[in-house]
Amino acid sequence: MEMEKNQHISSLDIPVIDLSNPDEEFVASAVVKASQEWGIFQVVNHGIPTELILRLLQVGMEFFELPETEKEAVAKPEDSLDIEGYRTKYQKDLEGRNAWVDHLFHRIWPPSRVNHKFWPKNPPEYIEVNEEYASHIKKLSEKIMEWLSEGLGLRHEALKEGLGGETIEYLMKINYYPPCPDPELVVGAPDHTDVNGITLLVANEALGLQAFKDNQWIDAEYTTSGIIVIIGDQFLRMSNGKYKSVEHRAKMDKEKTRISWPVFVESSLDQVFGPLPELITGDENVPKFKPYVYKDYKFRKLKKLLLD
């Protein structure tokens, strides 16, 4: 009998991959397998200093604890068509539950797309910490992209080039979920798949992240020195379905404030993406998805329009 989608279990564990293993072939194989079977995994001993992650968490928390008037200094302008800036977001999901979360978006790479207008000036070290984190997260994501490209039997640059090469954008988002007396009536983030290529996420202890696999919601166990990696729609389609774009959601906590820091690695809005041409060879490897301009794909997904 099929389980209800709102049920969840914890008997399955989201894969944890130790990147310090000297056998890189073994590590690459584990990343590929997790991306095919789960679409989500956690990496540990990934080379990003734990102290830097803790500083990133600290400056983010300090920003959200500021008075509302100070946070409004980096607010998303009312007439802006872009996503960058701070805003408070309340919405209902498909089951009528409230989704409440404050969030801040700003790009951290490439330099040509960074707009410090939307980077908090308070706390003072916010910019320095985020710039340092950006250089580390870019290096880690590029290594994971290399492994995933090789897992498709392609050159290690294939996915990076298909996503736009040096024009790839890294978008930082901070989600701030306050405590909720009745978590059953409120969700932090409704069920969704990420629209981008790959997401790398850190969080405070009250993670609340769940992934959907085998008709079950599975709690993501997490350590604050680890990084959760989530495969998104762009890599699902570019891999011609070999990698899984995982459905996931964020749950609220009755007592704890939950904060997460996903970095969305994505193409520019004008980039065309679809199954990588190198994968479409012969009658057996037909394209499973049609190509889209990224901005059109995002629009259609947001409006819940048909996507081939």
Protein backbone atom coordinates (compact mmCIF):
# COMPACT_ATOMS: atom_id res chain seq x y z
CA MET A 1 0.00 0.00 0.00
CA GLU A 2 1.35 3.43 -0.93
CA MET A 3 2.16 5.64 2.04
CA GLU A 4 0.59 9.04 2.40
CA LYS A 5 2.99 11.70 1.23
CA ASN A 6 2.84 13.57 4.53
CA GLN A 7 4.22 10.61 6.45
CA HIS A 8 7.93 10.29 7.06
CA ILE A 9 10.41 7.88 8.52
CA SER A 10 14.03 8.03 9.62
CA SER A 11 15.10 4.43 9.08
CA LEU A 12 16.81 5.35 5.82
CA ASP A 13 19.79 7.67 5.98
CA ILE A 14 20.73 10.25 3.39
CA PRO A 15 24.23 9.27 2.16
CA VAL A 16 27.23 10.84 3.92
CA ILE A 17 30.42 11.02 1.84
CA ASP A 18 33.84 11.67 3.38
CA LEU A 19 35.82 13.73 0.88
CA SER A 20 39.08 13.19 2.80
CA ASN A 21 39.22 9.57 1.62
CA PRO A 22 42.50 9.30 -0.36
CA ASP A 23 40.83 7.03 -2.91
CA GLU A 24 39.32 9.73 -5.16
CA GLU A 25 37.82 7.15 -7.50
CA PHE A 26 35.86 5.72 -4.57
CA VAL A 27 34.68 9.21 -3.54
CA ALA A 28 33.64 10.09 -7.10
CA SER A 29 31.73 6.83 -7.40
CA ALA A 30 29.90 7.52 -4.12
CA VAL A 31 28.92 11.03 -5.29
CA VAL A 32 27.62 9.67 -8.61
CA LYS A 33 25.68 6.84 -6.92
CA ALA A 34 24.08 9.21 -4.39
CA SER A 35 23.12 11.62 -7.19
CA GLN A 36 21.53 8.82 -9.21
CA GLU A 37 19.65 7.13 -6.36
CA TRP A 38 18.89 10.00 -3.99
CA GLY A 39 19.61 13.40 -5.55
CA ILE A 40 20.81 14.50 -2.10
CA PHE A 41 23.82 13.70 0.06
CA GLN A 42 26.01 15.22 2.75
CA VAL A 43 29.75 15.79 2.33
CA VAL A 44 32.11 15.93 5.31
CA ASN A 45 35.81 16.75 5.51
CA HIS A 46 35.25 18.83 2.38
CA GLY A 47 38.07 21.31 2.89
CA ILE A 48 35.97 24.32 3.93
CA PRO A 49 37.18 25.30 7.41
CA THR A 50 34.62 24.60 10.15
CA GLU A 51 35.55 27.95 11.70
CA LEU A 52 34.54 29.74 8.47
CA ILE A 53 31.18 27.93 8.38
CA LEU A 54 30.54 28.89 12.01
CA ARG A 55 31.40 32.52 11.19
CA LEU A 56 29.02 32.43 8.21
CA LEU A 57 26.26 31.15 10.50
CA GLN A 58 27.06 33.76 13.12
CA VAL A 59 26.96 36.82 10.83
CA GLY A 60 23.75 35.55 9.21
CA MET A 61 22.04 35.09 12.57
CA GLU A 62 23.20 38.52 13.71
CA PHE A 63 21.65 40.11 10.62
CA PHE A 64 18.26 38.49 11.19
CA GLU A 65 18.29 39.52 14.86
CA LEU A 66 18.58 43.20 13.87
CA PRO A 67 15.55 45.50 14.17
CA GLU A 68 13.27 45.35 11.11
CA THR A 69 14.23 48.88 10.06
CA GLU A 70 17.89 47.88 9.75
CA LYS A 71 17.06 44.77 7.75
CA GLU A 72 14.93 46.88 5.42
CA ALA A 73 18.15 48.68 4.34
CA VAL A 74 18.83 45.70 2.04
CA ALA A 75 15.19 45.02 1.17
CA LYS A 76 14.18 43.77 -2.26
CA PRO A 77 12.74 46.82 -4.07
CA GLU A 78 9.00 46.59 -4.71
CA ASP A 79 9.45 47.11 -8.46
CA SER A 80 12.44 44.77 -8.85
CA LEU A 81 12.09 41.84 -11.22
CA ASP A 82 15.23 40.30 -9.72
CA ILE A 83 15.31 38.12 -6.63
CA GLU A 84 18.06 39.86 -4.64
CA GLY A 85 17.33 41.50 -1.31
CA TYR A 86 15.63 40.89 2.03
CA ARG A 87 11.95 40.15 2.40
CA THR A 88 9.40 38.54 4.64
CA LYS A 89 7.37 35.90 2.83
CA TYR A 90 4.09 34.40 3.90
CA GLN A 91 2.22 32.04 1.61
CA LYS A 92 -0.04 28.98 1.68
CA ASP A 93 1.07 25.68 0.22
CA LEU A 94 -1.15 23.31 -1.78
CA GLU A 95 -2.61 21.80 1.39
CA GLY A 96 -3.58 25.21 2.75
CA ARG A 97 -0.85 25.35 5.38
CA ASN A 98 0.94 28.63 5.98
CA ALA A 99 4.59 28.85 4.93
CA TRP A 100 6.39 31.46 6.95
CA VAL A 101 9.99 32.42 6.40
CA ASP A 102 12.07 35.57 6.19
CA HIS A 103 14.85 35.42 3.67
CA LEU A 104 17.76 37.26 2.12
CA PHE A 105 19.08 36.64 -1.40
CA HIS A 106 22.32 37.97 -2.88
CA ARG A 107 24.75 36.69 -5.50
CA ILE A 108 28.24 35.84 -4.30
CA TRP A 109 29.85 34.96 -7.67
CA PRO A 110 30.88 35.94 -10.34
CA PRO A 111 32.17 39.40 -9.34
CA SER A 112 30.37 40.97 -12.33
CA ARG A 113 27.02 39.83 -10.85
CA VAL A 114 27.71 40.78 -7.23
CA ASN A 115 25.70 43.78 -6.04
CA HIS A 116 26.84 44.82 -2.57
CA LYS A 117 23.73 46.96 -2.27
CA PHE A 118 22.02 43.78 -1.05
CA TRP A 119 24.82 42.61 1.26
CA PRO A 120 24.26 43.63 4.90
CA LYS A 121 26.66 46.27 6.25
CA ASN A 122 25.85 45.11 9.77
CA PRO A 123 27.42 43.01 11.21
CA PRO A 124 30.59 44.65 9.83
CA GLU A 125 32.36 41.37 8.96
CA TYR A 126 29.41 40.07 6.90
CA ILE A 127 30.95 40.93 3.52
CA GLU A 128 34.42 39.56 4.33
CA VAL A 129 33.01 36.24 5.62
CA ASN A 130 30.71 35.77 2.62
CA GLU A 131 33.47 36.57 0.12
CA GLU A 132 35.75 34.01 1.76
CA TYR A 133 32.96 31.42 1.81
CA ALA A 134 32.18 32.10 -1.86
CA SER A 135 35.72 31.18 -2.95
CA HIS A 136 35.57 27.90 -1.00
CA ILE A 137 32.05 26.90 -2.10
CA LYS A 138 32.91 27.57 -5.76
CA LYS A 139 35.92 25.26 -5.53
CA LEU A 140 33.86 22.51 -3.86
CA SER A 141 30.97 22.75 -6.31
CA GLU A 142 33.34 22.60 -9.30
CA LYS A 143 34.96 19.43 -7.91
CA ILE A 144 31.52 17.82 -7.47
CA MET A 145 30.57 18.89 -11.01
CA GLU A 146 33.74 17.23 -12.33
CA TRP A 147 32.84 13.94 -10.62
CA LEU A 148 29.28 14.12 -11.91
CA SER A 149 30.50 14.81 -15.46
CA GLU A 150 32.84 11.82 -15.34
CA GLY A 151 29.94 9.76 -13.96
CA LEU A 152 28.16 10.47 -17.25
CA GLY A 153 31.19 9.20 -19.17
CA LEU A 154 32.07 12.74 -20.26
CA ARG A 155 34.99 15.18 -19.91
CA HIS A 156 35.18 16.55 -16.38
CA GLU A 157 34.33 20.08 -17.62
CA ALA A 158 31.09 18.96 -19.35
CA LEU A 159 28.50 19.98 -16.74
CA LYS A 160 30.28 23.21 -15.85
CA GLU A 161 30.49 24.19 -19.53
CA GLY A 162 26.87 23.16 -20.11
CA LEU A 163 25.80 25.40 -17.23
CA GLY A 164 27.66 28.35 -18.71
CA GLY A 165 31.33 27.98 -17.71
CA GLU A 166 32.64 31.21 -16.21
CA THR A 167 29.16 32.81 -16.38
CA ILE A 168 27.73 30.34 -13.80
CA GLU A 169 26.12 32.25 -10.94
CA TYR A 170 26.27 31.45 -7.23
CA LEU A 171 23.22 32.75 -5.39
CA MET A 172 23.28 32.85 -1.59
CA LYS A 173 19.98 32.59 0.25
CA ILE A 174 19.46 32.75 3.99
CA ASN A 175 16.18 31.24 5.21
CA TYR A 176 15.08 32.32 8.67
CA TYR A 177 12.30 30.20 10.17
CA PRO A 178 11.15 31.38 13.62
CA PRO A 179 9.80 28.87 16.17
CA CYS A 180 6.27 27.70 15.45
CA PRO A 181 3.82 26.55 18.16
CA ASP A 182 2.00 24.23 15.72
CA PRO A 183 4.39 22.87 13.07
CA GLU A 184 1.62 20.74 11.55
CA LEU A 185 -0.20 23.87 10.37
CA VAL A 186 2.88 25.64 9.07
CA VAL A 187 5.69 24.53 6.78
CA GLY A 188 9.01 26.29 6.39
CA ALA A 189 9.26 25.48 2.69
CA PRO A 190 6.62 23.40 0.86
CA ASP A 191 7.54 20.29 -1.16
CA HIS A 192 9.67 21.27 -4.14
CA THR A 193 12.64 20.43 -6.33
CA ASP A 194 15.35 23.04 -6.85
CA VAL A 195 15.21 24.68 -10.26
CA ASN A 196 18.98 25.22 -10.58
CA GLY A 197 21.92 22.85 -11.23
CA ILE A 198 23.21 22.01 -7.76
CA THR A 199 22.63 23.44 -4.28
CA LEU A 200 25.12 23.40 -1.38
CA LEU A 201 23.54 24.04 2.00
CA VAL A 202 24.67 24.60 5.57
CA ALA A 203 22.36 25.19 8.52
CA ASN A 204 22.16 25.62 12.27
CA GLU A 205 21.35 22.60 14.43
CA ALA A 206 17.58 22.78 13.90
CA LEU A 207 17.86 21.61 10.29
CA GLY A 208 14.32 20.33 9.65
CA LEU A 209 15.15 19.25 6.09
CA GLN A 210 13.36 16.23 4.65
CA ALA A 211 13.86 14.46 1.31
CA PHE A 212 11.28 12.31 -0.49
CA LYS A 213 12.43 8.83 -1.53
CA ASP A 214 10.60 5.55 -2.08
CA ASN A 215 7.25 7.17 -1.16
CA GLN A 216 8.59 8.34 2.20
CA TRP A 217 9.82 11.57 3.73
CA ILE A 218 13.25 11.05 5.25
CA ASP A 219 14.80 13.36 7.84
CA ALA A 220 18.25 14.65 6.88
CA GLU A 221 20.66 14.03 9.72
CA TYR A 222 23.19 16.85 9.73
CA THR A 223 26.35 18.08 11.40
CA THR A 224 27.14 21.79 11.29
CA SER A 225 30.56 21.05 9.77
CA GLY A 226 28.97 19.10 6.91
CA ILE A 227 27.43 20.43 3.69
CA ILE A 228 24.20 19.10 2.20
CA VAL A 229 24.35 18.76 -1.60
CA ILE A 230 21.08 18.78 -3.55
CA ILE A 231 20.77 17.99 -7.26
CA GLY A 232 18.38 20.36 -9.06
CA ASP A 233 16.32 20.39 -12.24
CA GLN A 234 19.09 21.72 -14.49
CA PHE A 235 21.35 18.74 -13.76
CA LEU A 236 18.43 16.30 -13.98
CA ARG A 237 17.79 17.53 -17.52
CA MET A 238 21.41 18.03 -18.57
CA SER A 239 22.19 14.44 -17.49
CA ASN A 240 19.15 13.29 -19.53
CA GLY A 241 17.57 11.89 -16.39
CA LYS A 242 20.59 10.02 -15.02
CA TYR A 243 20.80 12.27 -11.96
CA LYS A 244 17.79 12.78 -9.72
CA SER A 245 16.32 16.18 -8.84
CA VAL A 246 15.17 15.43 -5.33
CA GLU A 247 11.87 16.60 -3.88
CA HIS A 248 12.46 18.12 -0.45
CA ARG A 249 10.88 20.39 2.12
CA ALA A 250 11.67 22.27 5.33
CA LYS A 251 9.78 21.63 8.55
CA MET A 252 9.33 24.11 11.38
CA ASP A 253 10.42 23.60 14.99
CA LYS A 254 8.24 24.30 18.03
CA GLU A 255 11.00 25.84 20.09
CA LYS A 256 14.06 26.52 17.95
CA THR A 257 14.78 29.11 15.30
CA ARG A 258 15.83 27.31 12.15
CA ILE A 259 18.24 29.01 9.73
CA SER A 260 19.72 27.59 6.53
CA TRP A 261 22.22 28.94 4.03
CA PRO A 262 21.73 27.32 0.61
CA VAL A 263 23.96 28.44 -2.26
CA PHE A 264 22.23 27.85 -5.60
CA VAL A 265 24.63 27.13 -8.46
CA GLU A 266 22.82 28.02 -11.66
CA SER A 267 23.21 29.23 -15.21
CA SER A 268 22.57 32.81 -16.24
CA LEU A 269 18.93 33.50 -17.12
CA ASP A 270 19.68 33.61 -20.85
CA GLN A 271 21.50 30.26 -20.93
CA VAL A 272 19.87 27.46 -22.92
CA PHE A 273 20.08 24.13 -21.12
CA GLY A 274 18.90 20.62 -21.92
CA PRO A 275 20.36 17.13 -22.30
CA LEU A 276 24.08 17.47 -23.02
CA PRO A 277 24.64 16.77 -26.75
CA GLU A 278 27.42 14.27 -25.95
CA LEU A 279 24.84 12.05 -24.21
CA ILE A 280 22.51 11.88 -27.22
CA THR A 281 24.11 9.18 -29.34
CA GLY A 282 22.21 6.65 -31.42
CA ASP A 283 18.64 5.40 -31.09
CA GLU A 284 19.02 4.22 -27.49
CA ASN A 285 20.02 7.62 -26.08
CA VAL A 286 17.19 9.87 -27.21
CA PRO A 287 16.65 13.17 -25.39
CA LYS A 288 14.13 12.81 -22.55
CA PHE A 289 13.73 16.57 -22.11
CA LYS A 290 13.45 19.53 -24.45
CA PRO A 291 15.90 22.43 -24.12
CA TYR A 292 14.78 25.63 -22.37
CA VAL A 293 16.14 29.11 -21.88
CA TYR A 294 16.64 29.17 -18.10
CA LYS A 295 14.44 32.22 -17.49
CA ASP A 296 11.60 30.59 -19.47
CA TYR A 297 12.00 27.34 -17.53
CA LYS A 298 11.89 29.19 -14.18
CA PHE A 299 8.80 31.12 -15.26
CA ARG A 300 6.96 28.00 -16.40
CA LYS A 301 7.82 26.13 -13.22
CA LEU A 302 6.78 29.05 -11.01
CA LYS A 303 3.43 29.30 -12.85
CA LYS A 304 3.03 25.48 -12.76
CA LEU A 305 2.87 25.34 -16.56
CA LEU A 306 3.62 22.18 -18.54
CA LEU A 307 7.31 21.37 -18.92
CA ASP A 308 8.50 18.80 -21.49
